[in-house]
Structures are given as C-alpha cells and as structure tokens.
C-alpha atoms as a PDB file:
ATOM      1  CA  UNK A   1      21.890-184.404 121.125  1.00  0.00           C
ATOM      2  CA  UNK A   2      23.009-180.931 120.136  1.00  0.00           C
ATOM      3  CA  UNK A   3      24.052-180.085 116.599  1.00  0.00           C
ATOM      4  CA  UNK A   4      27.711-179.304 117.494  1.00  0.00           C
ATOM      5  CA  UNK A   5      28.091-182.686 119.189  1.00  0.00           C
ATOM      6  CA  UNK A   6      26.490-184.441 116.212  1.00  0.00           C
ATOM      7  CA  UNK A   7      28.764-182.571 113.800  1.00  0.00           C
ATOM      8  CA  UNK A   8      31.900-183.459 115.767  1.00  0.00           C
ATOM      9  CA  UNK A   9      30.816-187.097 115.895  1.00  0.00           C
ATOM     10  CA  UNK A  10      30.214-187.115 112.161  1.00  0.00           C
ATOM     11  CA  UNK A  11      33.602-185.550 111.435  1.00  0.00           C
ATOM     12  CA  UNK A  12      35.354-187.967 113.795  1.00  0.00           C
ATOM     13  CA  UNK A  13      33.922-190.908 111.854  1.00  0.00           C
ATOM     14  CA  UNK A  14      33.797-189.683 108.266  1.00  0.00           C
ATOM     15  CA  UNK A  15      37.111-187.853 107.877  1.00  0.00           C
ATOM     16  CA  UNK A  16      39.387-190.789 108.778  1.00  0.00           C
ATOM     17  CA  UNK A  17      37.321-193.134 106.637  1.00  0.00           C
ATOM     18  CA  UNK A  18      37.419-190.837 103.606  1.00  0.00           C
ATOM     19  CA  UNK A  19      41.165-190.326 103.922  1.00  0.00           C
ATOM     20  CA  UNK A  20      41.809-194.031 104.410  1.00  0.00           C
ATOM     21  CA  UNK A  21      39.933-194.984 101.245  1.00  0.00           C
ATOM     22  CA  UNK A  22      42.041-192.986  98.788  1.00  0.00           C
ATOM     23  CA  UNK A  23      45.592-193.264  97.474  1.00  0.00           C
ATOM     24  CA  UNK A  24      48.255-191.606  99.595  1.00  0.00           C
ATOM     25  CA  UNK A  25      48.830-188.781  97.118  1.00  0.00           C
ATOM     26  CA  UNK A  26      45.204-187.623  97.353  1.00  0.00           C
ATOM     27  CA  UNK A  27      44.734-187.891 101.105  1.00  0.00           C
ATOM     28  CA  UNK A  28      45.397-184.271 102.029  1.00  0.00           C
ATOM     29  CA  UNK A  29      43.107-182.991  99.287  1.00  0.00           C
ATOM     30  CA  UNK A  30      40.348-185.468 100.166  1.00  0.00           C
ATOM     31  CA  UNK A  31      40.621-184.513 103.844  1.00  0.00           C
ATOM     32  CA  UNK A  32      39.944-180.885 102.956  1.00  0.00           C
ATOM     33  CA  UNK A  33      37.097-181.789 100.611  1.00  0.00           C
ATOM     34  CA  UNK A  34      35.521-184.120 103.166  1.00  0.00           C
ATOM     35  CA  UNK A  35      35.728-181.469 105.861  1.00  0.00           C
ATOM     36  CA  UNK A  36      34.187-178.744 103.706  1.00  0.00           C
ATOM     37  CA  UNK A  37      31.531-181.067 102.261  1.00  0.00           C
ATOM     38  CA  UNK A  38      30.469-182.129 105.752  1.00  0.00           C
ATOM     39  CA  UNK A  39      30.418-178.543 106.984  1.00  0.00           C
ATOM     40  CA  UNK A  40      28.016-177.822 104.122  1.00  0.00           C
ATOM     41  CA  UNK A  41      25.803-180.929 104.149  1.00  0.00           C
ATOM     42  CA  UNK A  42      25.556-181.621 107.880  1.00  0.00           C
ATOM     43  CA  UNK A  43      23.656-178.431 108.793  1.00  0.00           C
ATOM     44  CA  UNK A  44      21.290-178.977 105.871  1.00  0.00           C
ATOM     45  CA  UNK A  45      20.578-182.548 106.937  1.00  0.00           C
ATOM     46  CA  UNK A  46      20.115-181.420 110.540  1.00  0.00           C
ATOM     47  CA  UNK A  47      17.640-178.709 109.525  1.00  0.00           C
ATOM     48  CA  UNK A  48      15.808-181.049 107.153  1.00  0.00           C
ATOM     49  CA  UNK A  49      15.373-183.683 109.839  1.00  0.00           C
ATOM     50  CA  UNK A  50      14.395-181.062 112.410  1.00  0.00           C
ATOM     51  CA  UNK A  51      11.640-179.907 110.067  1.00  0.00           C
ATOM     52  CA  UNK A  52      10.280-183.445 109.840  1.00  0.00           C
ATOM     53  CA  UNK A  53      11.916-184.380 106.552  1.00  0.00           C
ATOM     54  CA  UNK A  54      12.628-187.948 105.540  1.00  0.00           C
ATOM     55  CA  UNK A  55      15.817-189.476 106.930  1.00  0.00           C
ATOM     56  CA  UNK A  56      16.338-191.367 103.661  1.00  0.00           C
ATOM     57  CA  UNK A  57      16.033-188.196 101.584  1.00  0.00           C
ATOM     58  CA  UNK A  58      18.468-186.375 103.861  1.00  0.00           C
ATOM     59  CA  UNK A  59      21.067-189.150 103.645  1.00  0.00           C
ATOM     60  CA  UNK A  60      20.614-189.487  99.873  1.00  0.00           C
ATOM     61  CA  UNK A  61      21.100-185.753  99.408  1.00  0.00           C
ATOM     62  CA  UNK A  62      24.254-185.746 101.518  1.00  0.00           C
ATOM     63  CA  UNK A  63      25.575-188.775  99.657  1.00  0.00           C
ATOM     64  CA  UNK A  64      25.054-187.174  96.248  1.00  0.00           C
ATOM     65  CA  UNK A  65      26.504-183.812  97.333  1.00  0.00           C
ATOM     66  CA  UNK A  66      29.574-185.374  98.928  1.00  0.00           C
ATOM     67  CA  UNK A  67      30.126-187.716  95.966  1.00  0.00           C
ATOM     68  CA  UNK A  68      30.083-184.713  93.636  1.00  0.00           C
ATOM     69  CA  UNK A  69      32.529-182.856  95.877  1.00  0.00           C
ATOM     70  CA  UNK A  70      34.945-185.803  95.817  1.00  0.00           C
ATOM     71  CA  UNK A  71      34.555-186.074  92.042  1.00  0.00           C
ATOM     72  CA  UNK A  72      34.789-182.410  91.084  1.00  0.00           C
ATOM     73  CA  UNK A  73      37.180-181.039  93.710  1.00  0.00           C
ATOM     74  CA  UNK A  74      38.801-184.090  95.273  1.00  0.00           C
ATOM     75  CA  UNK A  75      40.192-185.483  92.049  1.00  0.00           C
ATOM     76  CA  UNK A  76      38.583-188.890  92.466  1.00  0.00           C
ATOM     77  CA  UNK A  77      37.012-190.963  89.710  1.00  0.00           C
ATOM     78  CA  UNK A  78      33.235-191.292  89.781  1.00  0.00           C
ATOM     79  CA  UNK A  79      33.293-194.855  91.162  1.00  0.00           C
ATOM     80  CA  UNK A  80      35.864-193.954  93.836  1.00  0.00           C
ATOM     81  CA  UNK A  81      34.032-190.730  94.765  1.00  0.00           C
ATOM     82  CA  UNK A  82      30.753-192.615  95.156  1.00  0.00           C
ATOM     83  CA  UNK A  83      32.452-195.379  97.153  1.00  0.00           C
ATOM     84  CA  UNK A  84      34.168-192.973  99.573  1.00  0.00           C
ATOM     85  CA  UNK A  85      30.968-190.999 100.144  1.00  0.00           C
ATOM     86  CA  UNK A  86      28.906-194.173 100.568  1.00  0.00           C
ATOM     87  CA  UNK A  87      31.258-195.756 103.100  1.00  0.00           C
ATOM     88  CA  UNK A  88      31.704-192.552 105.116  1.00  0.00           C
ATOM     89  CA  UNK A  89      28.003-191.647 105.144  1.00  0.00           C
ATOM     90  CA  UNK A  90      26.979-195.233 105.688  1.00  0.00           C
ATOM     91  CA  UNK A  91      29.151-195.469 108.780  1.00  0.00           C
ATOM     92  CA  UNK A  92      27.650-192.371 110.366  1.00  0.00           C
ATOM     93  CA  UNK A  93      24.154-193.431 109.323  1.00  0.00           C
ATOM     94  CA  UNK A  94      24.639-196.771 111.084  1.00  0.00           C
ATOM     95  CA  UNK A  95      26.099-195.108 114.154  1.00  0.00           C
ATOM     96  CA  UNK A  96      23.381-192.444 114.313  1.00  0.00           C
ATOM     97  CA  UNK A  97      20.965-194.997 115.697  1.00  0.00           C
ATOM     98  CA  UNK A  98      23.230-195.317 118.727  1.00  0.00           C
ATOM     99  CA  UNK A  99      23.977-191.602 119.334  1.00  0.00           C
END
C-alpha cells in the first residue's frame, strides 16, 4: 500500500472517532488538532516502519505525541486526551492488519 492511501485511511478512521469522543464545544478544535497531529505522526511512523523499526514503538510514539497534542492544544484533560488518542490509534492499529 502506498503512503498516501495509508494516510487517507488513517484520517478516515481517526478523525471521526476523535471528534465523536469529545464534548460538542471542543469538536472543531479537536478535529484540527487530530488532523495536524496525524499529518505529523503518520509520516514518522511510516518511515520508522519502512526502516525496520518496531511496530509497537511506532504506535507508542504516535499515541504519546497525539495525546500531548490533545492535551496541550486541544484543550482536553489528560485522561480524555489519552483516551481519545488510544481509541483512535487503536482502531487504525487493529485495521492495519487488514489493509
């Protein structure tokens, strides 16, 4: 699979999940944060995996980076930021075995 197709698949799964897991008043902000965080982490994960890096390390790094983005820029509490990032990344991680 090409990187652009993988990125579009990731965005199609993660953005609606992230938006759906936050209160209505934060949805627009979280959408923007989720988009930018994925545009930053996805290429890094792709390059890491392409270089033979550990899948677990790549997913953990993306999870931490996206949790911090939701916390620091998205206006979410630490538990909510971690939950949103975990659900969104977990969904794409589960689906990646089928792509």
